[in-house]
Amino acid sequence: MFSKACEYGIRASIYIAEQSLLERKVSLKEISEAIESPTAYTSKILQQLSRSFIINSDKGPTGGFSMDTQEIEKVKLSTIVLAIDGESIYNGCGLGLKKCNEKMPCPVHNQFKLVRDELKKMLESTTIKSLAVDFEKGLTFLKR
């Protein structure tokens, strides 16, 4: 459902948020190891998240990636999905048809629309902070 870049972006954001709550900045290498993603690919994803003002990127000896602890509460999963995948997840066809719509629905259009609507509600109501806190408590994981 999400692109691979978006999956990595969500995982990286959760890890960065968790570390930021512990008042730590993290390096690209640390993030890519923590979420099991290729370093070069992770770098491009982190650039997108930084350009979208979701994460902070500080250069230099005390640099690294972080999130403002006061802002973590406000960042929703939908913000990350929009920054990386755009809105296609909310309006794509379940069978991949280009002209699927209300007037010309594919065989699964109505059922898939319900799934997309529920997914949108979940993404818009889930904060990165809640996911980071669960991760920090050991209730969830980012590696396979």
N, C-alpha and C. Protein backbone atom coordinates (compact mmCIF):
# COMPACT_ATOMS: atom_id res chain seq x y z
N MET A 1 0.82 -1.19 0.00
CA MET A 1 0.00 0.00 0.00
C MET A 1 0.87 1.26 0.00
N PHE A 2 1.91 1.29 0.86
CA PHE A 2 2.86 2.40 0.85
C PHE A 2 4.03 2.03 -0.05
N SER A 3 4.67 3.04 -0.61
CA SER A 3 5.91 2.78 -1.36
C SER A 3 6.98 2.36 -0.35
N LYS A 4 8.04 1.75 -0.84
CA LYS A 4 9.14 1.35 0.03
C LYS A 4 9.75 2.60 0.68
N ALA A 5 9.86 3.69 -0.07
CA ALA A 5 10.39 4.95 0.49
C ALA A 5 9.52 5.44 1.64
N CYS A 6 8.22 5.33 1.48
CA CYS A 6 7.31 5.77 2.54
C CYS A 6 7.42 4.88 3.77
N GLU A 7 7.54 3.59 3.57
CA GLU A 7 7.73 2.67 4.70
C GLU A 7 8.98 3.05 5.49
N TYR A 8 10.08 3.26 4.76
CA TYR A 8 11.32 3.66 5.42
C TYR A 8 11.18 5.02 6.08
N GLY A 9 10.46 5.93 5.45
CA GLY A 9 10.25 7.26 6.01
C GLY A 9 9.49 7.23 7.31
N ILE A 10 8.47 6.39 7.38
CA ILE A 10 7.70 6.24 8.61
C ILE A 10 8.57 5.62 9.69
N ARG A 11 9.28 4.55 9.34
CA ARG A 11 10.14 3.89 10.32
C ARG A 11 11.24 4.83 10.82
N ALA A 12 11.85 5.57 9.91
CA ALA A 12 12.90 6.52 10.31
C ALA A 12 12.33 7.61 11.21
N SER A 13 11.15 8.10 10.90
CA SER A 13 10.53 9.16 11.70
C SER A 13 10.22 8.66 13.11
N ILE A 14 9.76 7.44 13.22
CA ILE A 14 9.48 6.87 14.55
C ILE A 14 10.78 6.76 15.34
N TYR A 15 11.84 6.27 14.69
CA TYR A 15 13.12 6.13 15.38
C TYR A 15 13.68 7.49 15.80
N ILE A 16 13.65 8.44 14.89
CA ILE A 16 14.16 9.79 15.19
C ILE A 16 13.34 10.42 16.31
N ALA A 17 12.03 10.26 16.28
CA ALA A 17 11.17 10.82 17.33
C ALA A 17 11.50 10.19 18.68
N GLU A 18 11.66 8.88 18.70
CA GLU A 18 11.97 8.18 19.95
C GLU A 18 13.29 8.67 20.52
N GLN A 19 14.29 8.82 19.68
CA GLN A 19 15.59 9.30 20.13
C GLN A 19 15.53 10.77 20.54
N SER A 20 14.73 11.56 19.85
CA SER A 20 14.57 12.98 20.20
C SER A 20 13.91 13.13 21.56
N LEU A 21 12.97 12.25 21.87
CA LEU A 21 12.34 12.29 23.19
C LEU A 21 13.35 11.97 24.29
N LEU A 22 14.42 11.24 23.92
CA LEU A 22 15.51 10.95 24.85
C LEU A 22 16.61 12.02 24.76
N GLU A 23 16.31 13.09 24.02
CA GLU A 23 17.21 14.22 23.82
C GLU A 23 18.51 13.83 23.11
N ARG A 24 18.38 12.96 22.10
CA ARG A 24 19.52 12.52 21.31
C ARG A 24 19.32 12.86 19.84
N LYS A 25 20.38 13.29 19.17
CA LYS A 25 20.39 13.40 17.72
C LYS A 25 20.98 12.11 17.20
N VAL A 26 20.55 11.68 16.03
CA VAL A 26 21.04 10.41 15.48
C VAL A 26 21.63 10.61 14.10
N SER A 27 22.61 9.79 13.79
CA SER A 27 23.29 9.87 12.50
C SER A 27 22.54 9.07 11.44
N LEU A 28 22.87 9.36 10.20
CA LEU A 28 22.30 8.62 9.07
C LEU A 28 22.58 7.13 9.22
N LYS A 29 23.82 6.79 9.56
CA LYS A 29 24.20 5.38 9.69
C LYS A 29 23.39 4.70 10.79
N GLU A 30 23.23 5.38 11.92
CA GLU A 30 22.46 4.81 13.02
C GLU A 30 21.01 4.57 12.62
N ILE A 31 20.43 5.52 11.91
CA ILE A 31 19.04 5.39 11.48
C ILE A 31 18.91 4.22 10.50
N SER A 32 19.78 4.16 9.50
CA SER A 32 19.67 3.09 8.50
C SER A 32 19.86 1.72 9.13
N GLU A 33 20.73 1.61 10.13
CA GLU A 33 20.89 0.34 10.83
C GLU A 33 19.66 0.02 11.68
N ALA A 34 19.11 1.03 12.34
CA ALA A 34 17.96 0.81 13.23
C ALA A 34 16.72 0.37 12.47
N ILE A 35 16.58 0.81 11.21
CA ILE A 35 15.37 0.47 10.46
C ILE A 35 15.66 -0.50 9.32
N GLU A 36 16.90 -0.99 9.26
CA GLU A 36 17.32 -1.94 8.23
C GLU A 36 17.02 -1.46 6.82
N SER A 37 17.58 -0.29 6.50
CA SER A 37 17.40 0.25 5.15
C SER A 37 18.76 0.66 4.59
N PRO A 38 18.90 0.65 3.27
CA PRO A 38 20.18 1.06 2.66
C PRO A 38 20.49 2.52 3.00
N THR A 39 21.73 2.79 3.33
CA THR A 39 22.13 4.13 3.77
C THR A 39 21.86 5.21 2.72
N ALA A 40 22.24 4.97 1.47
CA ALA A 40 22.05 5.98 0.42
C ALA A 40 20.55 6.27 0.22
N TYR A 41 19.74 5.23 0.24
CA TYR A 41 18.29 5.38 0.07
C TYR A 41 17.70 6.13 1.27
N THR A 42 18.16 5.79 2.45
CA THR A 42 17.70 6.45 3.66
C THR A 42 18.04 7.94 3.62
N SER A 43 19.22 8.26 3.11
CA SER A 43 19.65 9.65 3.01
C SER A 43 18.67 10.47 2.17
N LYS A 44 18.26 9.93 1.03
CA LYS A 44 17.31 10.63 0.16
C LYS A 44 15.96 10.82 0.84
N ILE A 45 15.53 9.81 1.57
CA ILE A 45 14.25 9.90 2.28
C ILE A 45 14.32 10.95 3.38
N LEU A 46 15.42 10.96 4.12
CA LEU A 46 15.59 11.94 5.18
C LEU A 46 15.65 13.35 4.62
N GLN A 47 16.21 13.52 3.42
CA GLN A 47 16.21 14.83 2.77
C GLN A 47 14.79 15.30 2.50
N GLN A 48 13.94 14.38 2.02
CA GLN A 48 12.54 14.73 1.76
C GLN A 48 11.84 15.13 3.06
N LEU A 49 12.07 14.37 4.11
CA LEU A 49 11.44 14.66 5.40
C LEU A 49 11.93 15.99 5.96
N SER A 50 13.20 16.28 5.74
CA SER A 50 13.77 17.54 6.20
C SER A 50 13.20 18.72 5.41
N ARG A 51 13.11 18.57 4.10
CA ARG A 51 12.54 19.62 3.24
C ARG A 51 11.07 19.88 3.57
N SER A 52 10.40 18.87 4.09
CA SER A 52 8.99 19.02 4.46
C SER A 52 8.83 19.48 5.92
N PHE A 53 9.96 19.77 6.57
CA PHE A 53 9.98 20.27 7.95
C PHE A 53 9.41 19.27 8.96
N ILE A 54 9.56 17.99 8.67
CA ILE A 54 9.12 16.94 9.59
C ILE A 54 10.25 16.60 10.56
N ILE A 55 11.47 16.56 10.03
CA ILE A 55 12.65 16.30 10.87
C ILE A 55 13.64 17.46 10.69
N ASN A 56 14.57 17.55 11.62
CA ASN A 56 15.64 18.54 11.54
C ASN A 56 16.93 17.83 11.16
N SER A 57 17.72 18.50 10.35
CA SER A 57 19.02 17.97 9.93
C SER A 57 20.07 19.02 10.27
N ASP A 58 20.92 18.70 11.24
CA ASP A 58 21.97 19.62 11.67
C ASP A 58 23.32 19.07 11.25
N LYS A 59 24.12 19.90 10.62
CA LYS A 59 25.45 19.49 10.17
C LYS A 59 26.49 19.78 11.25
N GLY A 60 27.66 19.21 11.07
CA GLY A 60 28.77 19.48 11.97
C GLY A 60 28.97 18.40 13.01
N PRO A 61 29.97 18.60 13.88
CA PRO A 61 30.34 17.58 14.87
C PRO A 61 29.23 17.26 15.87
N THR A 62 28.35 18.22 16.13
CA THR A 62 27.24 17.94 17.06
C THR A 62 25.93 17.79 16.30
N GLY A 63 26.05 17.53 15.00
CA GLY A 63 24.88 17.42 14.14
C GLY A 63 24.21 16.07 14.22
N GLY A 64 23.25 15.90 13.35
CA GLY A 64 22.49 14.67 13.28
C GLY A 64 21.03 14.99 12.99
N PHE A 65 20.21 13.98 13.03
CA PHE A 65 18.79 14.14 12.75
C PHE A 65 18.01 14.13 14.06
N SER A 66 17.00 14.98 14.12
CA SER A 66 16.18 15.08 15.32
C SER A 66 14.81 15.63 14.95
N MET A 67 13.95 15.67 15.94
CA MET A 67 12.64 16.31 15.80
C MET A 67 12.45 17.20 17.02
N ASP A 68 11.78 18.33 16.82
CA ASP A 68 11.47 19.21 17.95
C ASP A 68 10.51 18.47 18.87
N THR A 69 10.88 18.34 20.13
CA THR A 69 10.06 17.55 21.05
C THR A 69 8.66 18.14 21.22
N GLN A 70 8.52 19.44 21.06
CA GLN A 70 7.19 20.05 21.18
C GLN A 70 6.35 19.81 19.93
N GLU A 71 7.02 19.55 18.82
CA GLU A 71 6.32 19.32 17.55
C GLU A 71 5.96 17.85 17.32
N ILE A 72 6.66 16.95 17.99
CA ILE A 72 6.44 15.51 17.76
C ILE A 72 4.97 15.14 17.96
N GLU A 73 4.34 15.75 18.94
CA GLU A 73 2.93 15.49 19.24
C GLU A 73 2.02 15.86 18.06
N LYS A 74 2.45 16.84 17.27
CA LYS A 74 1.61 17.34 16.18
C LYS A 74 1.80 16.60 14.87
N VAL A 75 2.92 15.89 14.74
CA VAL A 75 3.21 15.21 13.47
C VAL A 75 2.39 13.93 13.38
N LYS A 76 1.56 13.86 12.38
CA LYS A 76 0.71 12.69 12.13
C LYS A 76 1.34 11.82 11.05
N LEU A 77 0.97 10.56 11.03
CA LEU A 77 1.44 9.67 9.97
C LEU A 77 1.07 10.22 8.60
N SER A 78 -0.09 10.84 8.49
CA SER A 78 -0.53 11.38 7.20
C SER A 78 0.45 12.43 6.67
N THR A 79 1.11 13.17 7.56
CA THR A 79 2.08 14.19 7.15
C THR A 79 3.26 13.54 6.45
N ILE A 80 3.72 12.42 6.97
CA ILE A 80 4.86 11.71 6.39
C ILE A 80 4.46 11.08 5.06
N VAL A 81 3.31 10.45 5.03
CA VAL A 81 2.83 9.82 3.79
C VAL A 81 2.69 10.87 2.69
N LEU A 82 2.12 12.01 3.02
CA LEU A 82 1.94 13.08 2.04
C LEU A 82 3.30 13.58 1.54
N ALA A 83 4.27 13.73 2.44
CA ALA A 83 5.60 14.23 2.06
C ALA A 83 6.32 13.28 1.11
N ILE A 84 6.09 11.99 1.25
CA ILE A 84 6.85 11.02 0.45
C ILE A 84 6.04 10.45 -0.72
N ASP A 85 4.81 10.03 -0.46
CA ASP A 85 4.00 9.39 -1.51
C ASP A 85 2.94 10.30 -2.13
N GLY A 86 2.70 11.45 -1.52
CA GLY A 86 1.64 12.31 -2.02
C GLY A 86 0.27 11.77 -1.65
N GLU A 87 -0.74 12.18 -2.38
CA GLU A 87 -2.12 11.79 -2.06
C GLU A 87 -2.61 10.57 -2.82
N SER A 88 -1.75 9.95 -3.59
CA SER A 88 -2.19 8.82 -4.43
C SER A 88 -2.78 7.67 -3.61
N ILE A 89 -2.33 7.51 -2.38
CA ILE A 89 -2.84 6.42 -1.55
C ILE A 89 -4.33 6.60 -1.25
N TYR A 90 -4.79 7.85 -1.29
CA TYR A 90 -6.19 8.14 -0.97
C TYR A 90 -7.12 8.06 -2.17
N ASN A 91 -6.57 7.98 -3.37
CA ASN A 91 -7.47 7.98 -4.53
C ASN A 91 -7.08 6.98 -5.62
N GLY A 92 -6.14 6.10 -5.35
CA GLY A 92 -5.76 5.10 -6.34
C GLY A 92 -6.77 3.97 -6.44
N CYS A 93 -6.78 3.31 -7.57
CA CYS A 93 -7.68 2.18 -7.80
C CYS A 93 -7.11 0.92 -7.15
N GLY A 94 -7.98 0.13 -6.55
CA GLY A 94 -7.57 -1.12 -5.90
C GLY A 94 -7.02 -2.14 -6.89
N LEU A 95 -7.37 -2.01 -8.14
CA LEU A 95 -6.88 -2.93 -9.17
C LEU A 95 -5.85 -2.27 -10.08
N GLY A 96 -5.51 -1.02 -9.79
CA GLY A 96 -4.49 -0.32 -10.56
C GLY A 96 -4.97 0.25 -11.88
N LEU A 97 -6.31 0.34 -12.06
CA LEU A 97 -6.83 0.91 -13.30
C LEU A 97 -6.69 2.43 -13.28
N LYS A 98 -6.46 3.01 -14.45
CA LYS A 98 -6.24 4.45 -14.53
C LYS A 98 -7.54 5.25 -14.53
N LYS A 99 -8.62 4.67 -15.03
CA LYS A 99 -9.86 5.42 -15.16
C LYS A 99 -10.95 4.98 -14.19
N CYS A 100 -10.57 4.37 -13.10
CA CYS A 100 -11.54 3.93 -12.11
C CYS A 100 -12.04 5.14 -11.32
N ASN A 101 -13.36 5.31 -11.23
CA ASN A 101 -13.96 6.39 -10.45
C ASN A 101 -15.42 6.06 -10.14
N GLU A 102 -16.12 6.98 -9.51
CA GLU A 102 -17.51 6.74 -9.11
C GLU A 102 -18.40 6.43 -10.32
N LYS A 103 -18.16 7.09 -11.44
CA LYS A 103 -18.99 6.89 -12.64
C LYS A 103 -18.61 5.63 -13.40
N MET A 104 -17.34 5.25 -13.32
CA MET A 104 -16.84 4.05 -14.00
C MET A 104 -16.03 3.22 -13.02
N PRO A 105 -16.69 2.57 -12.05
CA PRO A 105 -15.95 1.85 -11.00
C PRO A 105 -15.43 0.50 -11.47
N CYS A 106 -14.29 0.13 -10.92
CA CYS A 106 -13.76 -1.22 -11.14
C CYS A 106 -14.56 -2.18 -10.25
N PRO A 107 -14.39 -3.49 -10.39
CA PRO A 107 -15.17 -4.45 -9.59
C PRO A 107 -15.00 -4.31 -8.07
N VAL A 108 -13.87 -3.77 -7.59
CA VAL A 108 -13.67 -3.65 -6.13
C VAL A 108 -13.73 -2.19 -5.65
N HIS A 109 -14.16 -1.28 -6.52
CA HIS A 109 -14.12 0.15 -6.22
C HIS A 109 -14.79 0.51 -4.89
N ASN A 110 -16.02 0.09 -4.70
CA ASN A 110 -16.76 0.49 -3.50
C ASN A 110 -16.16 -0.08 -2.22
N GLN A 111 -15.74 -1.33 -2.25
CA GLN A 111 -15.11 -1.93 -1.07
C GLN A 111 -13.75 -1.29 -0.79
N PHE A 112 -12.98 -1.03 -1.85
CA PHE A 112 -11.66 -0.44 -1.68
C PHE A 112 -11.76 1.00 -1.17
N LYS A 113 -12.79 1.69 -1.58
CA LYS A 113 -13.00 3.06 -1.11
C LYS A 113 -13.18 3.07 0.41
N LEU A 114 -13.90 2.09 0.93
CA LEU A 114 -14.08 2.00 2.39
C LEU A 114 -12.75 1.78 3.09
N VAL A 115 -11.92 0.92 2.53
CA VAL A 115 -10.60 0.65 3.10
C VAL A 115 -9.74 1.91 3.07
N ARG A 116 -9.75 2.60 1.94
CA ARG A 116 -8.97 3.85 1.82
C ARG A 116 -9.44 4.89 2.83
N ASP A 117 -10.75 5.01 3.01
CA ASP A 117 -11.29 5.99 3.96
C ASP A 117 -10.86 5.67 5.38
N GLU A 118 -10.88 4.40 5.75
CA GLU A 118 -10.44 4.00 7.09
C GLU A 118 -8.94 4.22 7.27
N LEU A 119 -8.18 3.93 6.23
CA LEU A 119 -6.74 4.16 6.27
C LEU A 119 -6.46 5.65 6.47
N LYS A 120 -7.17 6.50 5.75
CA LYS A 120 -6.99 7.94 5.89
C LYS A 120 -7.28 8.40 7.32
N LYS A 121 -8.36 7.89 7.91
CA LYS A 121 -8.69 8.24 9.29
C LYS A 121 -7.56 7.83 10.24
N MET A 122 -7.04 6.63 10.05
CA MET A 122 -5.97 6.14 10.91
C MET A 122 -4.71 6.99 10.76
N LEU A 123 -4.33 7.30 9.52
CA LEU A 123 -3.13 8.10 9.28
C LEU A 123 -3.26 9.51 9.85
N GLU A 124 -4.46 10.07 9.76
CA GLU A 124 -4.68 11.44 10.25
C GLU A 124 -4.85 11.52 11.76
N SER A 125 -5.08 10.41 12.41
CA SER A 125 -5.29 10.43 13.86
C SER A 125 -4.11 9.84 14.66
N THR A 126 -3.16 9.25 13.98
CA THR A 126 -2.02 8.63 14.67
C THR A 126 -0.83 9.57 14.68
N THR A 127 -0.34 9.86 15.88
CA THR A 127 0.83 10.75 15.98
C THR A 127 2.12 9.93 16.01
N ILE A 128 3.18 10.55 15.53
CA ILE A 128 4.50 9.92 15.59
C ILE A 128 4.90 9.73 17.05
N LYS A 129 4.50 10.65 17.91
CA LYS A 129 4.86 10.53 19.32
C LYS A 129 4.28 9.25 19.92
N SER A 130 3.02 8.95 19.64
CA SER A 130 2.41 7.75 20.22
C SER A 130 3.15 6.50 19.73
N LEU A 131 3.56 6.49 18.47
CA LEU A 131 4.29 5.35 17.93
C LEU A 131 5.69 5.26 18.52
N ALA A 132 6.33 6.42 18.72
CA ALA A 132 7.69 6.46 19.30
C ALA A 132 7.67 6.00 20.75
N VAL A 133 6.63 6.38 21.48
CA VAL A 133 6.53 5.98 22.89
C VAL A 133 6.33 4.46 22.99
N ASP A 134 5.47 3.90 22.15
CA ASP A 134 5.28 2.44 22.14
C ASP A 134 6.57 1.72 21.78
N PHE A 135 7.32 2.28 20.81
CA PHE A 135 8.60 1.69 20.42
C PHE A 135 9.59 1.74 21.58
N GLU A 136 9.66 2.88 22.24
CA GLU A 136 10.60 3.06 23.36
C GLU A 136 10.28 2.11 24.51
N LYS A 137 9.00 1.82 24.70
CA LYS A 137 8.57 0.90 25.77
C LYS A 137 8.79 -0.56 25.39
N GLY A 138 9.17 -0.81 24.13
CA GLY A 138 9.37 -2.18 23.69
C GLY A 138 8.09 -2.87 23.26
N LEU A 139 7.02 -2.10 23.07
CA LEU A 139 5.73 -2.69 22.66
C LEU A 139 5.67 -2.93 21.15
N THR A 140 6.53 -2.22 20.41
CA THR A 140 6.58 -2.38 18.96
C THR A 140 8.05 -2.47 18.53
N PHE A 141 8.29 -2.78 17.27
CA PHE A 141 9.66 -2.91 16.78
C PHE A 141 9.77 -2.35 15.38
N LEU A 142 11.00 -2.04 14.95
CA LEU A 142 11.26 -1.48 13.61
C LEU A 142 12.09 -2.40 12.75
N LYS A 143 12.56 -3.49 13.29
CA LYS A 143 13.34 -4.46 12.51
C LYS A 143 12.53 -5.74 12.35
N ARG A 144 12.85 -6.45 11.27
CA ARG A 144 12.14 -7.71 11.01
C ARG A 144 12.62 -8.80 11.93
